[in-house]
Amino acid sequence: MTPARLRDRARPRPADEAGQRWVAIAEQVQARRRERDLSQHELAQLCATTQSAIARLERGARPPRLDTLLRICNALDCELVVELRPRTKTTRSEP
């Protein structure tokens, strides 16, 4: 295993549910980038961002901006699906 892959395995991951969703997205981006045989630098060039921004996203270090994520999806020939779900249940009082 390469040193970079060893570092990837040792990186801390967010423990909360929202953090886990970002980690899942990060893993999907990394897998798709590798499927298309692109380096982080090449992907960054395709979506007008920096290699370090791609690296941070793939580490799950911080959620990407939505516009950046959309450009990444376009560069990786993927569809971006956004879903709004209520965080809490609301009860309506009857009049």
PDB file of N, CA and C in Angstrom:
ATOM      1  N   MET A   1       0.851  -1.178   0.000  1.00  0.00           N
ATOM      2  CA  MET A   1       0.000   0.000   0.000  1.00  0.00           C
ATOM      3  C   MET A   1       0.894   1.238   0.000  1.00  0.00           C
ATOM      4  N   THR A   2       0.525   2.231  -0.794  1.00  0.00           N
ATOM      5  CA  THR A   2       1.330   3.439  -0.901  1.00  0.00           C
ATOM      6  C   THR A   2       1.169   4.299   0.345  1.00  0.00           C
ATOM      7  N   PRO A   3       2.164   5.163   0.632  1.00  0.00           N
ATOM      8  CA  PRO A   3       2.040   6.059   1.795  1.00  0.00           C
ATOM      9  C   PRO A   3       0.785   6.921   1.743  1.00  0.00           C
ATOM     10  N   ALA A   4       0.419   7.391   0.546  1.00  0.00           N
ATOM     11  CA  ALA A   4      -0.784   8.219   0.430  1.00  0.00           C
ATOM     12  C   ALA A   4      -2.030   7.428   0.829  1.00  0.00           C
ATOM     13  N   ARG A   5      -2.097   6.176   0.436  1.00  0.00           N
ATOM     14  CA  ARG A   5      -3.264   5.358   0.786  1.00  0.00           C
ATOM     15  C   ARG A   5      -3.285   5.060   2.278  1.00  0.00           C
ATOM     16  N   LEU A   6      -2.113   4.878   2.877  1.00  0.00           N
ATOM     17  CA  LEU A   6      -2.056   4.675   4.328  1.00  0.00           C
ATOM     18  C   LEU A   6      -2.557   5.911   5.060  1.00  0.00           C
ATOM     19  N   ARG A   7      -2.163   7.099   4.585  1.00  0.00           N
ATOM     20  CA  ARG A   7      -2.641   8.349   5.189  1.00  0.00           C
ATOM     21  C   ARG A   7      -4.156   8.437   5.060  1.00  0.00           C
ATOM     22  N   ASP A   8      -4.682   8.065   3.885  1.00  0.00           N
ATOM     23  CA  ASP A   8      -6.125   8.116   3.658  1.00  0.00           C
ATOM     24  C   ASP A   8      -6.874   7.246   4.665  1.00  0.00           C
ATOM     25  N   ARG A   9      -6.330   6.090   4.979  1.00  0.00           N
ATOM     26  CA  ARG A   9      -7.004   5.180   5.897  1.00  0.00           C
ATOM     27  C   ARG A   9      -6.995   5.706   7.324  1.00  0.00           C
ATOM     28  N   ALA A  10      -5.988   6.507   7.669  1.00  0.00           N
ATOM     29  CA  ALA A  10      -5.840   6.990   9.039  1.00  0.00           C
ATOM     30  C   ALA A  10      -6.542   8.320   9.289  1.00  0.00           C
ATOM     31  N   ARG A  11      -7.075   8.931   8.262  1.00  0.00           N
ATOM     32  CA  ARG A  11      -7.678  10.257   8.437  1.00  0.00           C
ATOM     33  C   ARG A  11      -8.937  10.177   9.292  1.00  0.00           C
ATOM     34  N   PRO A  12      -9.147  11.200  10.114  1.00  0.00           N
ATOM     35  CA  PRO A  12     -10.356  11.212  10.942  1.00  0.00           C
ATOM     36  C   PRO A  12     -11.594  11.480  10.089  1.00  0.00           C
ATOM     37  N   ARG A  13     -12.681  10.895  10.472  1.00  0.00           N
ATOM     38  CA  ARG A  13     -13.942  11.083   9.764  1.00  0.00           C
ATOM     39  C   ARG A  13     -14.943  11.714  10.716  1.00  0.00           C
ATOM     40  N   PRO A  14     -15.845  12.545  10.182  1.00  0.00           N
ATOM     41  CA  PRO A  14     -16.881  13.119  11.033  1.00  0.00           C
ATOM     42  C   PRO A  14     -17.758  12.019  11.634  1.00  0.00           C
ATOM     43  N   ALA A  15     -18.186  12.219  12.863  1.00  0.00           N
ATOM     44  CA  ALA A  15     -18.958  11.196  13.562  1.00  0.00           C
ATOM     45  C   ALA A  15     -20.468  11.397  13.420  1.00  0.00           C
ATOM     46  N   ASP A  16     -20.911  12.607  13.104  1.00  0.00           N
ATOM     47  CA  ASP A  16     -22.346  12.846  13.033  1.00  0.00           C
ATOM     48  C   ASP A  16     -22.922  12.402  11.683  1.00  0.00           C
ATOM     49  N   GLU A  17     -24.239  12.339  11.618  1.00  0.00           N
ATOM     50  CA  GLU A  17     -24.913  11.844  10.413  1.00  0.00           C
ATOM     51  C   GLU A  17     -24.635  12.724   9.197  1.00  0.00           C
ATOM     52  N   ALA A  18     -24.696  14.033   9.367  1.00  0.00           N
ATOM     53  CA  ALA A  18     -24.421  14.939   8.249  1.00  0.00           C
ATOM     54  C   ALA A  18     -22.988  14.756   7.765  1.00  0.00           C
ATOM     55  N   GLY A  19     -22.070  14.609   8.694  1.00  0.00           N
ATOM     56  CA  GLY A  19     -20.672  14.391   8.321  1.00  0.00           C
ATOM     57  C   GLY A  19     -20.497  13.100   7.554  1.00  0.00           C
ATOM     58  N   GLN A  20     -21.236  12.076   7.926  1.00  0.00           N
ATOM     59  CA  GLN A  20     -21.151  10.795   7.224  1.00  0.00           C
ATOM     60  C   GLN A  20     -21.651  10.916   5.792  1.00  0.00           C
ATOM     61  N   ARG A  21     -22.667  11.753   5.573  1.00  0.00           N
ATOM     62  CA  ARG A  21     -23.148  11.955   4.199  1.00  0.00           C
ATOM     63  C   ARG A  21     -22.086  12.626   3.357  1.00  0.00           C
ATOM     64  N   TRP A  22     -21.380  13.613   3.933  1.00  0.00           N
ATOM     65  CA  TRP A  22     -20.308  14.283   3.177  1.00  0.00           C
ATOM     66  C   TRP A  22     -19.176  13.319   2.882  1.00  0.00           C
ATOM     67  N   VAL A  23     -18.882  12.438   3.835  1.00  0.00           N
ATOM     68  CA  VAL A  23     -17.833  11.442   3.610  1.00  0.00           C
ATOM     69  C   VAL A  23     -18.245  10.517   2.466  1.00  0.00           C
ATOM     70  N   ALA A  24     -19.509  10.130   2.420  1.00  0.00           N
ATOM     71  CA  ALA A  24     -19.987   9.263   1.336  1.00  0.00           C
ATOM     72  C   ALA A  24     -19.841   9.961  -0.017  1.00  0.00           C
ATOM     73  N   ILE A  25     -20.165  11.245  -0.075  1.00  0.00           N
ATOM     74  CA  ILE A  25     -19.998  12.007  -1.311  1.00  0.00           C
ATOM     75  C   ILE A  25     -18.519  12.087  -1.673  1.00  0.00           C
ATOM     76  N   ALA A  26     -17.682  12.340  -0.686  1.00  0.00           N
ATOM     77  CA  ALA A  26     -16.244  12.419  -0.921  1.00  0.00           C
ATOM     78  C   ALA A  26     -15.723  11.114  -1.520  1.00  0.00           C
ATOM     79  N   GLU A  27     -16.173   9.998  -0.984  1.00  0.00           N
ATOM     80  CA  GLU A  27     -15.733   8.697  -1.490  1.00  0.00           C
ATOM     81  C   GLU A  27     -16.232   8.459  -2.909  1.00  0.00           C
ATOM     82  N   GLN A  28     -17.447   8.915  -3.212  1.00  0.00           N
ATOM     83  CA  GLN A  28     -17.977   8.773  -4.570  1.00  0.00           C
ATOM     84  C   GLN A  28     -17.177   9.606  -5.558  1.00  0.00           C
ATOM     85  N   VAL A  29     -16.839  10.836  -5.169  1.00  0.00           N
ATOM     86  CA  VAL A  29     -16.039  11.698  -6.049  1.00  0.00           C
ATOM     87  C   VAL A  29     -14.692  11.040  -6.323  1.00  0.00           C
ATOM     88  N   GLN A  30     -14.051  10.563  -5.269  1.00  0.00           N
ATOM     89  CA  GLN A  30     -12.736   9.943  -5.439  1.00  0.00           C
ATOM     90  C   GLN A  30     -12.824   8.697  -6.327  1.00  0.00           C
ATOM     91  N   ALA A  31     -13.822   7.864  -6.109  1.00  0.00           N
ATOM     92  CA  ALA A  31     -13.967   6.650  -6.911  1.00  0.00           C
ATOM     93  C   ALA A  31     -14.216   6.992  -8.382  1.00  0.00           C
ATOM     94  N   ARG A  32     -15.093   7.949  -8.617  1.00  0.00           N
ATOM     95  CA  ARG A  32     -15.413   8.335 -10.009  1.00  0.00           C
ATOM     96  C   ARG A  32     -14.196   8.955 -10.693  1.00  0.00           C
ATOM     97  N   ARG A  33     -13.445   9.772  -9.951  1.00  0.00           N
ATOM     98  CA  ARG A  33     -12.233  10.388 -10.510  1.00  0.00           C
ATOM     99  C   ARG A  33     -11.247   9.305 -10.925  1.00  0.00           C
ATOM    100  N   ARG A  34     -11.074   8.307 -10.071  1.00  0.00           N
ATOM    101  CA  ARG A  34     -10.141   7.214 -10.379  1.00  0.00           C
ATOM    102  C   ARG A  34     -10.642   6.374 -11.547  1.00  0.00           C
ATOM    103  N   GLU A  35     -11.959   6.133 -11.622  1.00  0.00           N
ATOM    104  CA  GLU A  35     -12.532   5.399 -12.763  1.00  0.00           C
ATOM    105  C   GLU A  35     -12.209   6.090 -14.078  1.00  0.00           C
ATOM    106  N   ARG A  36     -12.231   7.409 -14.046  1.00  0.00           N
ATOM    107  CA  ARG A  36     -11.966   8.192 -15.262  1.00  0.00           C
ATOM    108  C   ARG A  36     -10.480   8.463 -15.445  1.00  0.00           C
ATOM    109  N   ASP A  37      -9.659   7.878 -14.564  1.00  0.00           N
ATOM    110  CA  ASP A  37      -8.199   7.972 -14.645  1.00  0.00           C
ATOM    111  C   ASP A  37      -7.715   9.429 -14.644  1.00  0.00           C
ATOM    112  N   LEU A  38      -8.285  10.211 -13.722  1.00  0.00           N
ATOM    113  CA  LEU A  38      -7.903  11.617 -13.584  1.00  0.00           C
ATOM    114  C   LEU A  38      -7.142  11.813 -12.280  1.00  0.00           C
ATOM    115  N   SER A  39      -6.140  12.667 -12.309  1.00  0.00           N
ATOM    116  CA  SER A  39      -5.477  13.072 -11.074  1.00  0.00           C
ATOM    117  C   SER A  39      -6.328  14.152 -10.412  1.00  0.00           C
ATOM    118  N   GLN A  40      -6.041  14.436  -9.165  1.00  0.00           N
ATOM    119  CA  GLN A  40      -6.740  15.530  -8.491  1.00  0.00           C
ATOM    120  C   GLN A  40      -6.481  16.844  -9.228  1.00  0.00           C
ATOM    121  N   HIS A  41      -5.276  17.023  -9.690  1.00  0.00           N
ATOM    122  CA  HIS A  41      -4.920  18.250 -10.412  1.00  0.00           C
ATOM    123  C   HIS A  41      -5.726  18.366 -11.709  1.00  0.00           C
ATOM    124  N   GLU A  42      -5.851  17.262 -12.446  1.00  0.00           N
ATOM    125  CA  GLU A  42      -6.611  17.302 -13.701  1.00  0.00           C
ATOM    126  C   GLU A  42      -8.082  17.597 -13.447  1.00  0.00           C
ATOM    127  N   LEU A  43      -8.642  16.971 -12.416  1.00  0.00           N
ATOM    128  CA  LEU A  43     -10.042  17.245 -12.081  1.00  0.00           C
ATOM    129  C   LEU A  43     -10.213  18.704 -11.678  1.00  0.00           C
ATOM    130  N   ALA A  44      -9.288  19.213 -10.902  1.00  0.00           N
ATOM    131  CA  ALA A  44      -9.355  20.616 -10.485  1.00  0.00           C
ATOM    132  C   ALA A  44      -9.359  21.547 -11.695  1.00  0.00           C
ATOM    133  N   GLN A  45      -8.525  21.254 -12.671  1.00  0.00           N
ATOM    134  CA  GLN A  45      -8.487  22.081 -13.877  1.00  0.00           C
ATOM    135  C   GLN A  45      -9.812  22.027 -14.626  1.00  0.00           C
ATOM    136  N   LEU A  46     -10.416  20.846 -14.696  1.00  0.00           N
ATOM    137  CA  LEU A  46     -11.690  20.695 -15.398  1.00  0.00           C
ATOM    138  C   LEU A  46     -12.830  21.458 -14.742  1.00  0.00           C
ATOM    139  N   CYS A  47     -12.742  21.663 -13.440  1.00  0.00           N
ATOM    140  CA  CYS A  47     -13.846  22.346 -12.754  1.00  0.00           C
ATOM    141  C   CYS A  47     -13.445  23.674 -12.139  1.00  0.00           C
ATOM    142  N   ALA A  48     -12.357  24.243 -12.621  1.00  0.00           N
ATOM    143  CA  ALA A  48     -11.944  25.599 -12.234  1.00  0.00           C
ATOM    144  C   ALA A  48     -11.817  25.767 -10.723  1.00  0.00           C
ATOM    145  N   THR A  49     -11.138  24.818 -10.100  1.00  0.00           N
ATOM    146  CA  THR A  49     -10.834  24.931  -8.685  1.00  0.00           C
ATOM    147  C   THR A  49      -9.380  24.512  -8.486  1.00  0.00           C
ATOM    148  N   THR A  50      -8.991  24.309  -7.258  1.00  0.00           N
ATOM    149  CA  THR A  50      -7.597  23.952  -6.988  1.00  0.00           C
ATOM    150  C   THR A  50      -7.483  22.478  -6.618  1.00  0.00           C
ATOM    151  N   GLN A  51      -6.282  21.950  -6.788  1.00  0.00           N
ATOM    152  CA  GLN A  51      -6.021  20.562  -6.405  1.00  0.00           C
ATOM    153  C   GLN A  51      -6.243  20.392  -4.904  1.00  0.00           C
ATOM    154  N   SER A  52      -5.862  21.397  -4.129  1.00  0.00           N
ATOM    155  CA  SER A  52      -6.040  21.281  -2.675  1.00  0.00           C
ATOM    156  C   SER A  52      -7.522  21.239  -2.295  1.00  0.00           C
ATOM    157  N   ALA A  53      -8.379  21.929  -3.039  1.00  0.00           N
ATOM    158  CA  ALA A  53      -9.826  21.867  -2.775  1.00  0.00           C
ATOM    159  C   ALA A  53     -10.358  20.461  -3.050  1.00  0.00           C
ATOM    160  N   ILE A  54      -9.872  19.836  -4.119  1.00  0.00           N
ATOM    161  CA  ILE A  54     -10.276  18.464  -4.437  1.00  0.00           C
ATOM    162  C   ILE A  54      -9.786  17.512  -3.342  1.00  0.00           C
ATOM    163  N   ALA A  55      -8.549  17.705  -2.911  1.00  0.00           N
ATOM    164  CA  ALA A  55      -7.983  16.848  -1.859  1.00  0.00           C
ATOM    165  C   ALA A  55      -8.783  16.980  -0.561  1.00  0.00           C
ATOM    166  N   ARG A  56      -9.144  18.213  -0.181  1.00  0.00           N
ATOM    167  CA  ARG A  56      -9.944  18.419   1.038  1.00  0.00           C
ATOM    168  C   ARG A  56     -11.300  17.735   0.922  1.00  0.00           C
ATOM    169  N   LEU A  57     -11.922  17.864  -0.245  1.00  0.00           N
ATOM    170  CA  LEU A  57     -13.220  17.223  -0.466  1.00  0.00           C
ATOM    171  C   LEU A  57     -13.075  15.710  -0.335  1.00  0.00           C
ATOM    172  N   GLU A  58     -12.067  15.134  -0.985  1.00  0.00           N
ATOM    173  CA  GLU A  58     -11.894  13.676  -0.959  1.00  0.00           C
ATOM    174  C   GLU A  58     -11.546  13.150   0.429  1.00  0.00           C
ATOM    175  N   ARG A  59     -10.933  13.964   1.252  1.00  0.00           N
ATOM    176  CA  ARG A  59     -10.636  13.559   2.635  1.00  0.00           C
ATOM    177  C   ARG A  59     -11.866  13.677   3.522  1.00  0.00           C
ATOM    178  N   GLY A  60     -12.889  14.340   3.031  1.00  0.00           N
ATOM    179  CA  GLY A  60     -14.068  14.571   3.849  1.00  0.00           C
ATOM    180  C   GLY A  60     -13.814  15.637   4.891  1.00  0.00           C
ATOM    181  N   ALA A  61     -12.774  16.457   4.648  1.00  0.00           N
ATOM    182  CA  ALA A  61     -12.380  17.466   5.624  1.00  0.00           C
ATOM    183  C   ALA A  61     -13.408  18.578   5.752  1.00  0.00           C
ATOM    184  N   ARG A  62     -14.057  18.893   4.654  1.00  0.00           N
ATOM    185  CA  ARG A  62     -15.051  19.973   4.696  1.00  0.00           C
ATOM    186  C   ARG A  62     -15.991  19.813   3.514  1.00  0.00           C
ATOM    187  N   PRO A  63     -17.261  20.090   3.707  1.00  0.00           N
ATOM    188  CA  PRO A  63     -18.207  19.991   2.587  1.00  0.00           C
ATOM    189  C   PRO A  63     -17.868  21.022   1.514  1.00  0.00           C
ATOM    190  N   PRO A  64     -17.982  20.644   0.251  1.00  0.00           N
ATOM    191  CA  PRO A  64     -17.716  21.598  -0.827  1.00  0.00           C
ATOM    192  C   PRO A  64     -18.879  22.566  -0.985  1.00  0.00           C
ATOM    193  N   ARG A  65     -18.597  23.693  -1.593  1.00  0.00           N
ATOM    194  CA  ARG A  65     -19.689  24.596  -1.965  1.00  0.00           C
ATOM    195  C   ARG A  65     -20.524  23.891  -3.028  1.00  0.00           C
ATOM    196  N   LEU A  66     -21.799  24.200  -3.060  1.00  0.00           N
ATOM    197  CA  LEU A  66     -22.700  23.541  -3.997  1.00  0.00           C
ATOM    198  C   LEU A  66     -22.295  23.796  -5.447  1.00  0.00           C
ATOM    199  N   ASP A  67     -21.888  25.023  -5.771  1.00  0.00           N
ATOM    200  CA  ASP A  67     -21.487  25.306  -7.149  1.00  0.00           C
ATOM    201  C   ASP A  67     -20.224  24.533  -7.530  1.00  0.00           C
ATOM    202  N   THR A  68     -19.322  24.344  -6.580  1.00  0.00           N
ATOM    203  CA  THR A  68     -18.117  23.558  -6.842  1.00  0.00           C
ATOM    204  C   THR A  68     -18.490  22.097  -7.057  1.00  0.00           C
ATOM    205  N   LEU A  69     -19.377  21.578  -6.225  1.00  0.00           N
ATOM    206  CA  LEU A  69     -19.806  20.196  -6.359  1.00  0.00           C
ATOM    207  C   LEU A  69     -20.496  19.974  -7.703  1.00  0.00           C
ATOM    208  N   LEU A  70     -21.276  20.925  -8.158  1.00  0.00           N
ATOM    209  CA  LEU A  70     -21.933  20.818  -9.460  1.00  0.00           C
ATOM    210  C   LEU A  70     -20.897  20.774 -10.584  1.00  0.00           C
ATOM    211  N   ARG A  71     -19.868  21.624 -10.506  1.00  0.00           N
ATOM    212  CA  ARG A  71     -18.810  21.600 -11.533  1.00  0.00           C
ATOM    213  C   ARG A  71     -18.057  20.274 -11.507  1.00  0.00           C
ATOM    214  N   ILE A  72     -17.818  19.738 -10.317  1.00  0.00           N
ATOM    215  CA  ILE A  72     -17.142  18.440 -10.191  1.00  0.00           C
ATOM    216  C   ILE A  72     -18.005  17.354 -10.837  1.00  0.00           C
ATOM    217  N   CYS A  73     -19.292  17.367 -10.546  1.00  0.00           N
ATOM    218  CA  CYS A  73     -20.198  16.375 -11.144  1.00  0.00           C
ATOM    219  C   CYS A  73     -20.195  16.471 -12.665  1.00  0.00           C
ATOM    220  N   ASN A  74     -20.229  17.675 -13.175  1.00  0.00           N
ATOM    221  CA  ASN A  74     -20.188  17.854 -14.626  1.00  0.00           C
ATOM    222  C   ASN A  74     -18.880  17.317 -15.205  1.00  0.00           C
ATOM    223  N   ALA A  75     -17.775  17.609 -14.559  1.00  0.00           N
ATOM    224  CA  ALA A  75     -16.469  17.145 -15.035  1.00  0.00           C
ATOM    225  C   ALA A  75     -16.363  15.625 -14.985  1.00  0.00           C
ATOM    226  N   LEU A  76     -17.036  15.003 -14.015  1.00  0.00           N
ATOM    227  CA  LEU A  76     -16.990  13.548 -13.869  1.00  0.00           C
ATOM    228  C   LEU A  76     -18.146  12.849 -14.584  1.00  0.00           C
ATOM    229  N   ASP A  77     -18.930  13.630 -15.348  1.00  0.00           N
ATOM    230  CA  ASP A  77     -20.077  13.106 -16.081  1.00  0.00           C
ATOM    231  C   ASP A  77     -21.036  12.386 -15.143  1.00  0.00           C
ATOM    232  N   CYS A  78     -21.392  13.076 -14.058  1.00  0.00           N
ATOM    233  CA  CYS A  78     -22.322  12.539 -13.063  1.00  0.00           C
ATOM    234  C   CYS A  78     -23.489  13.494 -12.897  1.00  0.00           C
ATOM    235  N   GLU A  79     -24.571  12.949 -12.411  1.00  0.00           N
ATOM    236  CA  GLU A  79     -25.747  13.740 -12.094  1.00  0.00           C
ATOM    237  C   GLU A  79     -25.693  14.109 -10.617  1.00  0.00           C
ATOM    238  N   LEU A  80     -25.966  15.363 -10.311  1.00  0.00           N
ATOM    239  CA  LEU A  80     -26.036  15.804  -8.920  1.00  0.00           C
ATOM    240  C   LEU A  80     -27.498  15.779  -8.498  1.00  0.00           C
ATOM    241  N   VAL A  81     -27.783  15.008  -7.453  1.00  0.00           N
ATOM    242  CA  VAL A  81     -29.148  14.877  -6.951  1.00  0.00           C
ATOM    243  C   VAL A  81     -29.182  15.496  -5.561  1.00  0.00           C
ATOM    244  N   VAL A  82     -30.076  16.457  -5.382  1.00  0.00           N
ATOM    245  CA  VAL A  82     -30.222  17.134  -4.092  1.00  0.00           C
ATOM    246  C   VAL A  82     -31.598  16.798  -3.544  1.00  0.00           C
ATOM    247  N   GLU A  83     -31.638  16.467  -2.280  1.00  0.00           N
ATOM    248  CA  GLU A  83     -32.895  16.097  -1.648  1.00  0.00           C
ATOM    249  C   GLU A  83     -33.072  16.924  -0.380  1.00  0.00           C
ATOM    250  N   LEU A  84     -34.231  17.514  -0.223  1.00  0.00           N
ATOM    251  CA  LEU A  84     -34.553  18.241   1.000  1.00  0.00           C
ATOM    252  C   LEU A  84     -35.419  17.344   1.873  1.00  0.00           C
ATOM    253  N   ARG A  85     -34.939  17.104   3.093  1.00  0.00           N
ATOM    254  CA  ARG A  85     -35.689  16.287   4.039  1.00  0.00           C
ATOM    255  C   ARG A  85     -35.835  17.062   5.327  1.00  0.00           C
ATOM    256  N   PRO A  86     -37.004  17.006   5.934  1.00  0.00           N
ATOM    257  CA  PRO A  86     -37.165  17.704   7.211  1.00  0.00           C
ATOM    258  C   PRO A  86     -36.257  17.076   8.274  1.00  0.00           C
ATOM    259  N   ARG A  87     -35.651  17.927   9.092  1.00  0.00           N
ATOM    260  CA  ARG A  87     -34.809  17.435  10.189  1.00  0.00           C
ATOM    261  C   ARG A  87     -35.641  16.984  11.374  1.00  0.00           C
ATOM    262  N   THR A  88     -36.731  17.680  11.573  1.00  0.00           N
ATOM    263  CA  THR A  88     -37.607  17.350  12.698  1.00  0.00           C
ATOM    264  C   THR A  88     -39.026  17.213  12.186  1.00  0.00           C
ATOM    265  N   LYS A  89     -39.803  16.480  12.923  1.00  0.00           N
ATOM    266  CA  LYS A  89     -41.216  16.342  12.551  1.00  0.00           C
ATOM    267  C   LYS A  89     -41.973  17.520  13.143  1.00  0.00           C
ATOM    268  N   THR A  90     -42.809  18.097  12.342  1.00  0.00           N
ATOM    269  CA  THR A  90     -43.629  19.205  12.835  1.00  0.00           C
ATOM    270  C   THR A  90     -45.062  18.708  12.977  1.00  0.00           C
ATOM    271  N   THR A  91     -45.712  19.216  13.958  1.00  0.00           N
ATOM    272  CA  THR A  91     -47.115  18.869  14.152  1.00  0.00           C
ATOM    273  C   THR A  91     -47.927  20.134  13.917  1.00  0.00           C
ATOM    274  N   ARG A  92     -48.982  19.959  13.213  1.00  0.00           N
ATOM    275  CA  ARG A  92     -49.868  21.093  12.949  1.00  0.00           C
ATOM    276  C   ARG A  92     -50.992  21.078  13.970  1.00  0.00           C
ATOM    277  N   SER A  93     -51.209  22.218  14.544  1.00  0.00           N
ATOM    278  CA  SER A  93     -52.339  22.290  15.465  1.00  0.00           C
ATOM    279  C   SER A  93     -53.592  22.572  14.668  1.00  0.00           C
ATOM    280  N   GLU A  94     -54.632  21.878  15.016  1.00  0.00           N
ATOM    281  CA  GLU A  94     -55.895  22.027  14.303  1.00  0.00           C
ATOM    282  C   GLU A  94     -56.616  23.271  14.792  1.00  0.00           C
ATOM    283  N   PRO A  95     -57.238  24.026  13.864  1.00  0.00           N
ATOM    284  CA  PRO A  95     -57.953  25.255  14.274  1.00  0.00           C
ATOM    285  C   PRO A  95     -59.220  24.989  15.027  1.00  0.00           C
TER     286      PRO A  95
END
